[in-house]
């Protein structure tokens, strides 16, 4: 169940109420607003009816609405009308459908790149760098979780799927700048460790099992990236946070950037090339597979596909 609150100028309220005269809208309330003048329209909405109702709110005649706010109701002490058996027979499939307005709003929120985005990328790369030098898989997993790059990746995928150039341009710019900064930080970190003489003996002797996993892309890297791209989109559209965390710790993006920086610092050029290929391969596949999966899910759930 969703609770929707709309701020409407006085001249649009009647038109808005007509648009809301549809199955699924429950407990419709109109309140008078004082600052600024107008009305506040509130109602409850089953998830199965949400896409159709929100599509109506996109009508150009309702373009003057001041705000549309949506809240997910976590629990209700009473059973809504739409959940009773008489209404449930044809609604079970619809109740599982993604609410596309909420999905896209969440992705757009992750497509904002404040300074903290780049700071987290650098920190994640440094954690991964320590993990590579010490052959610690735990630190590599930790770096994957800390890295914020998936928000930019899925924002680019959504932009491609909806044919919107601006989020694609902004996301790719943030990813390019962010990974370059992270790689530079890893180079500086690696050079400092090498110069200070604190390089772990196993790493100096070429015993680098963690690094070898990261900078040696192969068929299995492609398979994992494709599967993670699908799971990432499904977890976002169906609000499966645990699955999304699994995506963070399964695809080698931040560790590849750290491995590239360390390889440059230690002048192991073959490893640098492998790490760079791994980074490009994973980021590119996540974007392309994410865009394709979004489009397929719209088709499966009969969501709006108009650009």
C-alpha atoms as a PDB file:
ATOM      1  CA  UNK A   1       0.000   0.000   0.000  1.00  0.00           C
ATOM      2  CA  UNK A   2       1.164   3.531  -0.812  1.00  0.00           C
ATOM      3  CA  UNK A   3       0.126   6.872   0.661  1.00  0.00           C
ATOM      4  CA  UNK A   4       0.209   9.760  -1.822  1.00  0.00           C
ATOM      5  CA  UNK A   5       0.181  13.474  -1.020  1.00  0.00           C
ATOM      6  CA  UNK A   6      -0.248  16.050  -3.798  1.00  0.00           C
ATOM      7  CA  UNK A   7      -0.016  19.843  -3.454  1.00  0.00           C
ATOM      8  CA  UNK A   8      -2.325  21.403  -6.032  1.00  0.00           C
ATOM      9  CA  UNK A   9      -2.984  25.025  -7.035  1.00  0.00           C
ATOM     10  CA  UNK A  10      -6.682  25.931  -6.623  1.00  0.00           C
ATOM     11  CA  UNK A  11      -7.397  25.912 -10.346  1.00  0.00           C
ATOM     12  CA  UNK A  12      -6.112  22.354 -10.841  1.00  0.00           C
ATOM     13  CA  UNK A  13      -7.768  20.575  -7.951  1.00  0.00           C
ATOM     14  CA  UNK A  14     -11.016  19.668  -9.715  1.00  0.00           C
ATOM     15  CA  UNK A  15      -9.125  18.379 -12.746  1.00  0.00           C
ATOM     16  CA  UNK A  16      -6.888  16.359 -10.426  1.00  0.00           C
ATOM     17  CA  UNK A  17      -9.861  14.830  -8.641  1.00  0.00           C
ATOM     18  CA  UNK A  18     -11.339  13.787 -11.980  1.00  0.00           C
ATOM     19  CA  UNK A  19      -8.079  12.051 -12.859  1.00  0.00           C
ATOM     20  CA  UNK A  20      -8.203  10.206  -9.541  1.00  0.00           C
ATOM     21  CA  UNK A  21     -11.703   8.873 -10.184  1.00  0.00           C
ATOM     22  CA  UNK A  22     -10.390   5.401 -10.942  1.00  0.00           C
ATOM     23  CA  UNK A  23     -10.199   1.957  -9.422  1.00  0.00           C
ATOM     24  CA  UNK A  24      -7.681   1.614  -6.626  1.00  0.00           C
ATOM     25  CA  UNK A  25      -7.766   5.132  -5.177  1.00  0.00           C
ATOM     26  CA  UNK A  26      -8.989   4.867  -1.581  1.00  0.00           C
ATOM     27  CA  UNK A  27      -9.627   7.270   1.310  1.00  0.00           C
ATOM     28  CA  UNK A  28      -9.385  10.365  -0.885  1.00  0.00           C
ATOM     29  CA  UNK A  29      -9.091  13.534   1.212  1.00  0.00           C
ATOM     30  CA  UNK A  30      -8.880  17.189   0.139  1.00  0.00           C
ATOM     31  CA  UNK A  31      -7.442  19.715   2.577  1.00  0.00           C
ATOM     32  CA  UNK A  32      -7.030  23.462   2.211  1.00  0.00           C
ATOM     33  CA  UNK A  33      -3.459  24.747   2.190  1.00  0.00           C
ATOM     34  CA  UNK A  34      -2.524  28.190   3.508  1.00  0.00           C
ATOM     35  CA  UNK A  35       1.067  28.750   2.379  1.00  0.00           C
ATOM     36  CA  UNK A  36       1.019  28.856  -0.579  1.00  0.00           C
ATOM     37  CA  UNK A  37      -2.684  28.934  -1.310  1.00  0.00           C
ATOM     38  CA  UNK A  38      -4.146  25.814  -2.816  1.00  0.00           C
ATOM     39  CA  UNK A  39      -5.209  22.339  -1.811  1.00  0.00           C
ATOM     40  CA  UNK A  40      -3.571  19.210  -0.498  1.00  0.00           C
ATOM     41  CA  UNK A  41      -4.981  15.979  -1.913  1.00  0.00           C
ATOM     42  CA  UNK A  42      -4.185  12.759  -0.065  1.00  0.00           C
ATOM     43  CA  UNK A  43      -5.186   9.181  -0.802  1.00  0.00           C
ATOM     44  CA  UNK A  44      -4.133   5.574  -0.375  1.00  0.00           C
ATOM     45  CA  UNK A  45      -3.224   3.420  -3.321  1.00  0.00           C
ATOM     46  CA  UNK A  46      -2.528  -0.312  -3.702  1.00  0.00           C
ATOM     47  CA  UNK A  47       0.742  -1.020  -5.489  1.00  0.00           C
ATOM     48  CA  UNK A  48      -1.121  -2.915  -8.186  1.00  0.00           C
ATOM     49  CA  UNK A  49      -2.950   0.264  -9.222  1.00  0.00           C
ATOM     50  CA  UNK A  50      -0.054   2.674  -8.798  1.00  0.00           C
ATOM     51  CA  UNK A  51       1.438   2.637 -12.300  1.00  0.00           C
ATOM     52  CA  UNK A  52      -1.903   3.423 -13.955  1.00  0.00           C
ATOM     53  CA  UNK A  53      -2.693   6.238 -11.508  1.00  0.00           C
ATOM     54  CA  UNK A  54       0.759   7.820 -11.754  1.00  0.00           C
ATOM     55  CA  UNK A  55       0.565   7.667 -15.531  1.00  0.00           C
ATOM     56  CA  UNK A  56      -2.620   9.764 -15.304  1.00  0.00           C
ATOM     57  CA  UNK A  57      -0.774  12.304 -13.174  1.00  0.00           C
ATOM     58  CA  UNK A  58       1.663  12.738 -16.081  1.00  0.00           C
ATOM     59  CA  UNK A  59      -1.142  14.283 -18.152  1.00  0.00           C
ATOM     60  CA  UNK A  60       0.042  17.669 -19.520  1.00  0.00           C
ATOM     61  CA  UNK A  61      -3.149  19.234 -18.153  1.00  0.00           C
ATOM     62  CA  UNK A  62      -1.855  18.484 -14.643  1.00  0.00           C
ATOM     63  CA  UNK A  63       1.607  19.954 -15.249  1.00  0.00           C
ATOM     64  CA  UNK A  64       1.029  22.707 -12.687  1.00  0.00           C
ATOM     65  CA  UNK A  65       0.970  20.389  -9.668  1.00  0.00           C
ATOM     66  CA  UNK A  66       3.396  21.716  -7.066  1.00  0.00           C
ATOM     67  CA  UNK A  67       4.535  18.399  -5.629  1.00  0.00           C
ATOM     68  CA  UNK A  68       3.686  14.702  -5.629  1.00  0.00           C
ATOM     69  CA  UNK A  69       5.019  12.784  -2.623  1.00  0.00           C
ATOM     70  CA  UNK A  70       4.758   9.011  -2.239  1.00  0.00           C
ATOM     71  CA  UNK A  71       5.227   7.045   0.979  1.00  0.00           C
ATOM     72  CA  UNK A  72       5.331   3.276   1.270  1.00  0.00           C
ATOM     73  CA  UNK A  73       3.145   2.042   4.121  1.00  0.00           C
ATOM     74  CA  UNK A  74       5.146  -0.617   5.962  1.00  0.00           C
ATOM     75  CA  UNK A  75       2.229  -1.961   8.008  1.00  0.00           C
ATOM     76  CA  UNK A  76      -1.491  -1.392   8.451  1.00  0.00           C
ATOM     77  CA  UNK A  77      -3.602  -2.387  11.462  1.00  0.00           C
ATOM     78  CA  UNK A  78      -6.647  -2.849   9.226  1.00  0.00           C
ATOM     79  CA  UNK A  79      -7.102  -4.609   5.909  1.00  0.00           C
ATOM     80  CA  UNK A  80      -7.630  -2.199   3.001  1.00  0.00           C
ATOM     81  CA  UNK A  81     -10.601  -2.721   0.708  1.00  0.00           C
ATOM     82  CA  UNK A  82      -8.383  -3.668  -2.201  1.00  0.00           C
ATOM     83  CA  UNK A  83      -6.811  -6.519  -0.225  1.00  0.00           C
ATOM     84  CA  UNK A  84     -10.105  -8.296   0.524  1.00  0.00           C
ATOM     85  CA  UNK A  85     -10.911 -11.500  -1.369  1.00  0.00           C
ATOM     86  CA  UNK A  86     -13.455  -9.856  -3.696  1.00  0.00           C
ATOM     87  CA  UNK A  87     -10.744  -7.555  -4.999  1.00  0.00           C
ATOM     88  CA  UNK A  88      -7.779  -9.900  -4.752  1.00  0.00           C
ATOM     89  CA  UNK A  89      -8.512 -12.450  -7.460  1.00  0.00           C
ATOM     90  CA  UNK A  90      -7.095 -10.379 -10.332  1.00  0.00           C
ATOM     91  CA  UNK A  91      -4.686  -8.239  -8.331  1.00  0.00           C
ATOM     92  CA  UNK A  92      -2.042 -10.620  -6.989  1.00  0.00           C
ATOM     93  CA  UNK A  93       0.189 -10.258 -10.058  1.00  0.00           C
ATOM     94  CA  UNK A  94      -0.264  -6.496 -10.113  1.00  0.00           C
ATOM     95  CA  UNK A  95       0.630  -6.126  -6.441  1.00  0.00           C
ATOM     96  CA  UNK A  96       4.076  -7.542  -7.212  1.00  0.00           C
ATOM     97  CA  UNK A  97       4.699  -5.177 -10.124  1.00  0.00           C
ATOM     98  CA  UNK A  98       7.355  -2.476  -9.677  1.00  0.00           C
ATOM     99  CA  UNK A  99       6.018   1.030  -9.132  1.00  0.00           C
ATOM    100  CA  UNK A 100       8.029   2.638 -11.897  1.00  0.00           C
ATOM    101  CA  UNK A 101       7.750   6.211 -10.659  1.00  0.00           C
ATOM    102  CA  UNK A 102       9.275   5.146  -7.326  1.00  0.00           C
ATOM    103  CA  UNK A 103      11.923   2.992  -8.992  1.00  0.00           C
ATOM    104  CA  UNK A 104      13.060   5.816 -11.251  1.00  0.00           C
ATOM    105  CA  UNK A 105      12.971   8.354  -8.424  1.00  0.00           C
ATOM    106  CA  UNK A 106      15.225   6.097  -6.357  1.00  0.00           C
ATOM    107  CA  UNK A 107      17.667   5.643  -9.234  1.00  0.00           C
ATOM    108  CA  UNK A 108      17.733   9.377  -9.930  1.00  0.00           C
ATOM    109  CA  UNK A 109      18.468  10.004  -6.236  1.00  0.00           C
ATOM    110  CA  UNK A 110      21.524   7.754  -6.579  1.00  0.00           C
ATOM    111  CA  UNK A 111      22.576   9.648  -9.708  1.00  0.00           C
ATOM    112  CA  UNK A 112      23.724  12.693  -7.733  1.00  0.00           C
ATOM    113  CA  UNK A 113      27.468  13.072  -7.283  1.00  0.00           C
ATOM    114  CA  UNK A 114      28.468  15.222  -4.294  1.00  0.00           C
ATOM    115  CA  UNK A 115      32.071  15.335  -3.054  1.00  0.00           C
ATOM    116  CA  UNK A 116      31.298  12.391  -0.746  1.00  0.00           C
ATOM    117  CA  UNK A 117      30.832  10.192  -3.849  1.00  0.00           C
ATOM    118  CA  UNK A 118      34.452  10.739  -4.863  1.00  0.00           C
ATOM    119  CA  UNK A 119      35.723  10.527  -1.276  1.00  0.00           C
ATOM    120  CA  UNK A 120      34.069   7.126  -0.825  1.00  0.00           C
ATOM    121  CA  UNK A 121      35.577   5.920  -4.106  1.00  0.00           C
ATOM    122  CA  UNK A 122      39.044   6.904  -2.916  1.00  0.00           C
ATOM    123  CA  UNK A 123      38.564   5.285   0.496  1.00  0.00           C
ATOM    124  CA  UNK A 124      37.222   2.108  -1.110  1.00  0.00           C
ATOM    125  CA  UNK A 125      40.192   1.994  -3.483  1.00  0.00           C
ATOM    126  CA  UNK A 126      42.640   2.371  -0.581  1.00  0.00           C
ATOM    127  CA  UNK A 127      40.921  -0.407   1.376  1.00  0.00           C
ATOM    128  CA  UNK A 128      41.089  -2.607  -1.721  1.00  0.00           C
ATOM    129  CA  UNK A 129      44.743  -1.664  -2.148  1.00  0.00           C
ATOM    130  CA  UNK A 130      45.546  -2.897   1.345  1.00  0.00           C
ATOM    131  CA  UNK A 131      43.590  -6.066   0.615  1.00  0.00           C
ATOM    132  CA  UNK A 132      45.581  -6.709  -2.561  1.00  0.00           C
ATOM    133  CA  UNK A 133      48.943  -6.100  -0.877  1.00  0.00           C
ATOM    134  CA  UNK A 134      48.096  -8.353   2.086  1.00  0.00           C
ATOM    135  CA  UNK A 135      46.123 -10.957   0.091  1.00  0.00           C
ATOM    136  CA  UNK A 136      43.056 -10.277   2.246  1.00  0.00           C
ATOM    137  CA  UNK A 137      39.792 -11.222   0.564  1.00  0.00           C
ATOM    138  CA  UNK A 138      37.839  -9.760   3.480  1.00  0.00           C
ATOM    139  CA  UNK A 139      39.237  -6.297   2.775  1.00  0.00           C
ATOM    140  CA  UNK A 140      38.381  -6.674  -0.915  1.00  0.00           C
ATOM    141  CA  UNK A 141      34.767  -7.465  -0.006  1.00  0.00           C
ATOM    142  CA  UNK A 142      34.727  -4.512   2.371  1.00  0.00           C
ATOM    143  CA  UNK A 143      35.975  -2.199  -0.370  1.00  0.00           C
ATOM    144  CA  UNK A 144      33.239  -3.439  -2.708  1.00  0.00           C
ATOM    145  CA  UNK A 145      30.573  -2.602  -0.146  1.00  0.00           C
ATOM    146  CA  UNK A 146      32.017   0.866   0.557  1.00  0.00           C
ATOM    147  CA  UNK A 147      32.253   1.827  -3.123  1.00  0.00           C
ATOM    148  CA  UNK A 148      29.320   4.022  -4.281  1.00  0.00           C
ATOM    149  CA  UNK A 149      29.809   3.483  -8.019  1.00  0.00           C
ATOM    150  CA  UNK A 150      26.739   1.306  -8.595  1.00  0.00           C
ATOM    151  CA  UNK A 151      24.437   4.296  -8.118  1.00  0.00           C
ATOM    152  CA  UNK A 152      26.135   6.028 -11.040  1.00  0.00           C
ATOM    153  CA  UNK A 153      26.172   2.844 -13.123  1.00  0.00           C
ATOM    154  CA  UNK A 154      22.433   2.215 -12.766  1.00  0.00           C
ATOM    155  CA  UNK A 155      21.670   5.913 -13.358  1.00  0.00           C
ATOM    156  CA  UNK A 156      23.521   5.670 -16.682  1.00  0.00           C
ATOM    157  CA  UNK A 157      21.634   2.457 -17.499  1.00  0.00           C
ATOM    158  CA  UNK A 158      18.297   4.174 -16.802  1.00  0.00           C
ATOM    159  CA  UNK A 159      19.319   7.128 -18.966  1.00  0.00           C
ATOM    160  CA  UNK A 160      20.160   4.798 -21.847  1.00  0.00           C
ATOM    161  CA  UNK A 161      16.918   2.855 -21.444  1.00  0.00           C
ATOM    162  CA  UNK A 162      14.812   6.035 -21.366  1.00  0.00           C
ATOM    163  CA  UNK A 163      16.887   7.787 -24.083  1.00  0.00           C
ATOM    164  CA  UNK A 164      17.852  10.658 -21.792  1.00  0.00           C
ATOM    165  CA  UNK A 165      21.263  12.092 -22.579  1.00  0.00           C
ATOM    166  CA  UNK A 166      21.789  14.194 -19.465  1.00  0.00           C
ATOM    167  CA  UNK A 167      21.923  11.396 -16.821  1.00  0.00           C
ATOM    168  CA  UNK A 168      24.082   9.326 -19.173  1.00  0.00           C
ATOM    169  CA  UNK A 169      26.528  12.182 -19.644  1.00  0.00           C
ATOM    170  CA  UNK A 170      26.592  13.081 -15.942  1.00  0.00           C
ATOM    171  CA  UNK A 171      26.949   9.475 -14.816  1.00  0.00           C
ATOM    172  CA  UNK A 172      29.735   8.609 -17.241  1.00  0.00           C
ATOM    173  CA  UNK A 173      31.585  11.809 -16.309  1.00  0.00           C
ATOM    174  CA  UNK A 174      31.289  10.998 -12.600  1.00  0.00           C
ATOM    175  CA  UNK A 175      32.447   7.415 -13.155  1.00  0.00           C
ATOM    176  CA  UNK A 176      35.407   8.472 -15.298  1.00  0.00           C
ATOM    177  CA  UNK A 177      36.498  11.223 -12.915  1.00  0.00           C
ATOM    178  CA  UNK A 178      35.853   9.096  -9.840  1.00  0.00           C
ATOM    179  CA  UNK A 179      37.795   6.074 -11.053  1.00  0.00           C
ATOM    180  CA  UNK A 180      40.686   8.246 -12.267  1.00  0.00           C
ATOM    181  CA  UNK A 181      40.896   9.859  -8.827  1.00  0.00           C
ATOM    182  CA  UNK A 182      40.667   6.434  -7.150  1.00  0.00           C
ATOM    183  CA  UNK A 183      43.396   5.020  -9.407  1.00  0.00           C
ATOM    184  CA  UNK A 184      45.614   8.038  -8.708  1.00  0.00           C
ATOM    185  CA  UNK A 185      45.102   7.560  -4.968  1.00  0.00           C
ATOM    186  CA  UNK A 186      46.043   3.887  -5.320  1.00  0.00           C
ATOM    187  CA  UNK A 187      49.171   4.843  -7.278  1.00  0.00           C
ATOM    188  CA  UNK A 188      50.241   7.295  -4.573  1.00  0.00           C
ATOM    189  CA  UNK A 189      49.468   4.767  -1.848  1.00  0.00           C
ATOM    190  CA  UNK A 190      51.387   2.006  -3.637  1.00  0.00           C
ATOM    191  CA  UNK A 191      54.357   4.242  -4.312  1.00  0.00           C
ATOM    192  CA  UNK A 192      54.467   5.317  -0.659  1.00  0.00           C
ATOM    193  CA  UNK A 193      54.379   1.717   0.560  1.00  0.00           C
ATOM    194  CA  UNK A 194      57.041   0.699  -1.945  1.00  0.00           C
ATOM    195  CA  UNK A 195      59.310   3.637  -1.103  1.00  0.00           C
ATOM    196  CA  UNK A 196      58.956   3.076   2.660  1.00  0.00           C
ATOM    197  CA  UNK A 197      59.948  -0.575   2.366  1.00  0.00           C
ATOM    198  CA  UNK A 198      56.735  -1.921   3.904  1.00  0.00           C
ATOM    199  CA  UNK A 199      55.660  -4.028   0.936  1.00  0.00           C
ATOM    200  CA  UNK A 200      54.555  -7.440   2.263  1.00  0.00           C
ATOM    201  CA  UNK A 201      57.121 -10.131   1.451  1.00  0.00           C
ATOM    202  CA  UNK A 202      54.581 -12.383  -0.280  1.00  0.00           C
ATOM    203  CA  UNK A 203      53.586  -9.559  -2.624  1.00  0.00           C
ATOM    204  CA  UNK A 204      57.261  -8.797  -3.380  1.00  0.00           C
ATOM    205  CA  UNK A 205      57.876 -12.463  -4.206  1.00  0.00           C
ATOM    206  CA  UNK A 206      54.979 -12.505  -6.658  1.00  0.00           C
ATOM    207  CA  UNK A 207      52.625 -14.517  -4.429  1.00  0.00           C
ATOM    208  CA  UNK A 208      49.502 -12.521  -5.246  1.00  0.00           C
ATOM    209  CA  UNK A 209      46.409 -14.765  -5.357  1.00  0.00           C
ATOM    210  CA  UNK A 210      43.983 -11.902  -4.701  1.00  0.00           C
ATOM    211  CA  UNK A 211      45.574  -9.654  -7.308  1.00  0.00           C
ATOM    212  CA  UNK A 212      45.557 -12.516  -9.821  1.00  0.00           C
ATOM    213  CA  UNK A 213      41.804 -12.946  -9.394  1.00  0.00           C
ATOM    214  CA  UNK A 214      41.250  -9.242  -9.992  1.00  0.00           C
ATOM    215  CA  UNK A 215      43.592  -8.466 -12.892  1.00  0.00           C
ATOM    216  CA  UNK A 216      42.941 -11.621 -14.934  1.00  0.00           C
ATOM    217  CA  UNK A 217      39.595 -11.111 -16.706  1.00  0.00           C
ATOM    218  CA  UNK A 218      38.137 -14.175 -18.413  1.00  0.00           C
ATOM    219  CA  UNK A 219      34.868 -15.766 -19.482  1.00  0.00           C
ATOM    220  CA  UNK A 220      33.759 -16.142 -15.881  1.00  0.00           C
ATOM    221  CA  UNK A 221      34.257 -12.413 -15.297  1.00  0.00           C
ATOM    222  CA  UNK A 222      31.793 -11.771 -18.116  1.00  0.00           C
ATOM    223  CA  UNK A 223      29.286 -14.290 -16.755  1.00  0.00           C
ATOM    224  CA  UNK A 224      29.380 -12.793 -13.261  1.00  0.00           C
ATOM    225  CA  UNK A 225      29.071  -9.221 -14.567  1.00  0.00           C
ATOM    226  CA  UNK A 226      26.060 -10.130 -16.728  1.00  0.00           C
ATOM    227  CA  UNK A 227      24.311 -11.970 -13.901  1.00  0.00           C
ATOM    228  CA  UNK A 228      25.074  -9.173 -11.440  1.00  0.00           C
ATOM    229  CA  UNK A 229      23.702  -6.616 -13.894  1.00  0.00           C
ATOM    230  CA  UNK A 230      20.402  -8.517 -14.055  1.00  0.00           C
ATOM    231  CA  UNK A 231      20.199  -9.049 -10.299  1.00  0.00           C
ATOM    232  CA  UNK A 232      21.028  -5.417  -9.580  1.00  0.00           C
ATOM    233  CA  UNK A 233      18.102  -4.119 -11.614  1.00  0.00           C
ATOM    234  CA  UNK A 234      15.680  -6.741 -10.292  1.00  0.00           C
ATOM    235  CA  UNK A 235      16.671  -5.961  -6.708  1.00  0.00           C
ATOM    236  CA  UNK A 236      16.058  -2.251  -7.296  1.00  0.00           C
ATOM    237  CA  UNK A 237      12.723  -2.665  -9.036  1.00  0.00           C
ATOM    238  CA  UNK A 238      11.420  -5.164  -6.469  1.00  0.00           C
ATOM    239  CA  UNK A 239      13.073  -3.515  -3.431  1.00  0.00           C
ATOM    240  CA  UNK A 240      15.289  -6.476  -2.524  1.00  0.00           C
ATOM    241  CA  UNK A 241      18.066  -4.761  -0.579  1.00  0.00           C
ATOM    242  CA  UNK A 242      19.860  -7.981   0.373  1.00  0.00           C
ATOM    243  CA  UNK A 243      20.220  -8.980  -3.275  1.00  0.00           C
ATOM    244  CA  UNK A 244      21.575  -5.537  -4.116  1.00  0.00           C
ATOM    245  CA  UNK A 245      24.300  -5.906  -1.483  1.00  0.00           C
ATOM    246  CA  UNK A 246      25.213  -9.171  -3.175  1.00  0.00           C
ATOM    247  CA  UNK A 247      25.760  -7.249  -6.400  1.00  0.00           C
ATOM    248  CA  UNK A 248      28.120  -4.850  -4.615  1.00  0.00           C
ATOM    249  CA  UNK A 249      30.353  -7.713  -3.463  1.00  0.00           C
ATOM    250  CA  UNK A 250      30.320  -9.786  -6.649  1.00  0.00           C
ATOM    251  CA  UNK A 251      31.525  -7.429  -9.382  1.00  0.00           C
ATOM    252  CA  UNK A 252      35.133  -6.251  -9.574  1.00  0.00           C
ATOM    253  CA  UNK A 253      35.088  -2.514 -10.173  1.00  0.00           C
ATOM    254  CA  UNK A 254      36.723  -0.748  -7.212  1.00  0.00           C
ATOM    255  CA  UNK A 255      39.220  -3.622  -6.655  1.00  0.00           C
ATOM    256  CA  UNK A 256      40.174  -3.427 -10.336  1.00  0.00           C
ATOM    257  CA  UNK A 257      40.828   0.316 -10.010  1.00  0.00           C
ATOM    258  CA  UNK A 258      42.978  -0.334  -6.933  1.00  0.00           C
ATOM    259  CA  UNK A 259      44.823  -3.170  -8.684  1.00  0.00           C
ATOM    260  CA  UNK A 260      45.507  -0.885 -11.644  1.00  0.00           C
ATOM    261  CA  UNK A 261      46.918   1.817  -9.350  1.00  0.00           C
ATOM    262  CA  UNK A 262      49.164  -0.637  -7.495  1.00  0.00           C
ATOM    263  CA  UNK A 263      50.361  -2.202 -10.751  1.00  0.00           C
ATOM    264  CA  UNK A 264      51.355   1.234 -12.024  1.00  0.00           C
ATOM    265  CA  UNK A 265      53.131   2.013  -8.745  1.00  0.00           C
ATOM    266  CA  UNK A 266      55.047  -1.286  -8.846  1.00  0.00           C
ATOM    267  CA  UNK A 267      55.551  -1.061 -12.641  1.00  0.00           C
ATOM    268  CA  UNK A 268      53.994  -4.445 -13.390  1.00  0.00           C
ATOM    269  CA  UNK A 269      52.581  -3.464 -16.750  1.00  0.00           C
ATOM    270  CA  UNK A 270      50.918  -6.748 -17.678  1.00  0.00           C
ATOM    271  CA  UNK A 271      48.917  -6.671 -14.449  1.00  0.00           C
ATOM    272  CA  UNK A 272      48.023  -3.033 -15.097  1.00  0.00           C
ATOM    273  CA  UNK A 273      46.576  -3.942 -18.492  1.00  0.00           C
ATOM    274  CA  UNK A 274      44.574  -6.815 -17.033  1.00  0.00           C
ATOM    275  CA  UNK A 275      43.167  -4.656 -14.245  1.00  0.00           C
ATOM    276  CA  UNK A 276      42.202  -1.901 -16.692  1.00  0.00           C
ATOM    277  CA  UNK A 277      40.416  -4.432 -18.908  1.00  0.00           C
ATOM    278  CA  UNK A 278      38.635  -5.905 -15.881  1.00  0.00           C
ATOM    279  CA  UNK A 279      37.424  -2.461 -14.821  1.00  0.00           C
ATOM    280  CA  UNK A 280      36.149  -1.500 -18.280  1.00  0.00           C
ATOM    281  CA  UNK A 281      34.578  -4.912 -18.807  1.00  0.00           C
ATOM    282  CA  UNK A 282      32.643  -4.933 -15.543  1.00  0.00           C
ATOM    283  CA  UNK A 283      31.485  -1.316 -15.617  1.00  0.00           C
ATOM    284  CA  UNK A 284      30.458  -1.547 -19.276  1.00  0.00           C
ATOM    285  CA  UNK A 285      28.552  -4.811 -18.847  1.00  0.00           C
ATOM    286  CA  UNK A 286      26.750  -3.553 -15.751  1.00  0.00           C
ATOM    287  CA  UNK A 287      25.535  -0.508 -17.690  1.00  0.00           C
ATOM    288  CA  UNK A 288      24.467  -2.350 -20.845  1.00  0.00           C
ATOM    289  CA  UNK A 289      22.880  -5.315 -19.065  1.00  0.00           C
ATOM    290  CA  UNK A 290      21.185  -2.960 -16.613  1.00  0.00           C
ATOM    291  CA  UNK A 291      19.589  -0.958 -19.429  1.00  0.00           C
ATOM    292  CA  UNK A 292      18.429  -4.128 -21.197  1.00  0.00           C
ATOM    293  CA  UNK A 293      17.016  -5.616 -17.996  1.00  0.00           C
ATOM    294  CA  UNK A 294      15.070  -2.444 -17.237  1.00  0.00           C
ATOM    295  CA  UNK A 295      13.449  -2.592 -20.665  1.00  0.00           C
ATOM    296  CA  UNK A 296      12.657  -6.308 -20.343  1.00  0.00           C
ATOM    297  CA  UNK A 297      11.104  -5.766 -16.924  1.00  0.00           C
ATOM    298  CA  UNK A 298       8.868  -3.008 -18.275  1.00  0.00           C
ATOM    299  CA  UNK A 299       7.684  -5.425 -20.933  1.00  0.00           C
ATOM    300  CA  UNK A 300       7.124  -8.244 -18.419  1.00  0.00           C
ATOM    301  CA  UNK A 301       5.187  -6.053 -15.998  1.00  0.00           C
ATOM    302  CA  UNK A 302       3.423  -4.102 -18.738  1.00  0.00           C
ATOM    303  CA  UNK A 303       4.950  -0.875 -17.463  1.00  0.00           C
ATOM    304  CA  UNK A 304       5.049   2.360 -19.491  1.00  0.00           C
ATOM    305  CA  UNK A 305       7.692   2.147 -22.208  1.00  0.00           C
ATOM    306  CA  UNK A 306       7.031   5.481 -23.905  1.00  0.00           C
ATOM    307  CA  UNK A 307      10.035   7.811 -24.010  1.00  0.00           C
END
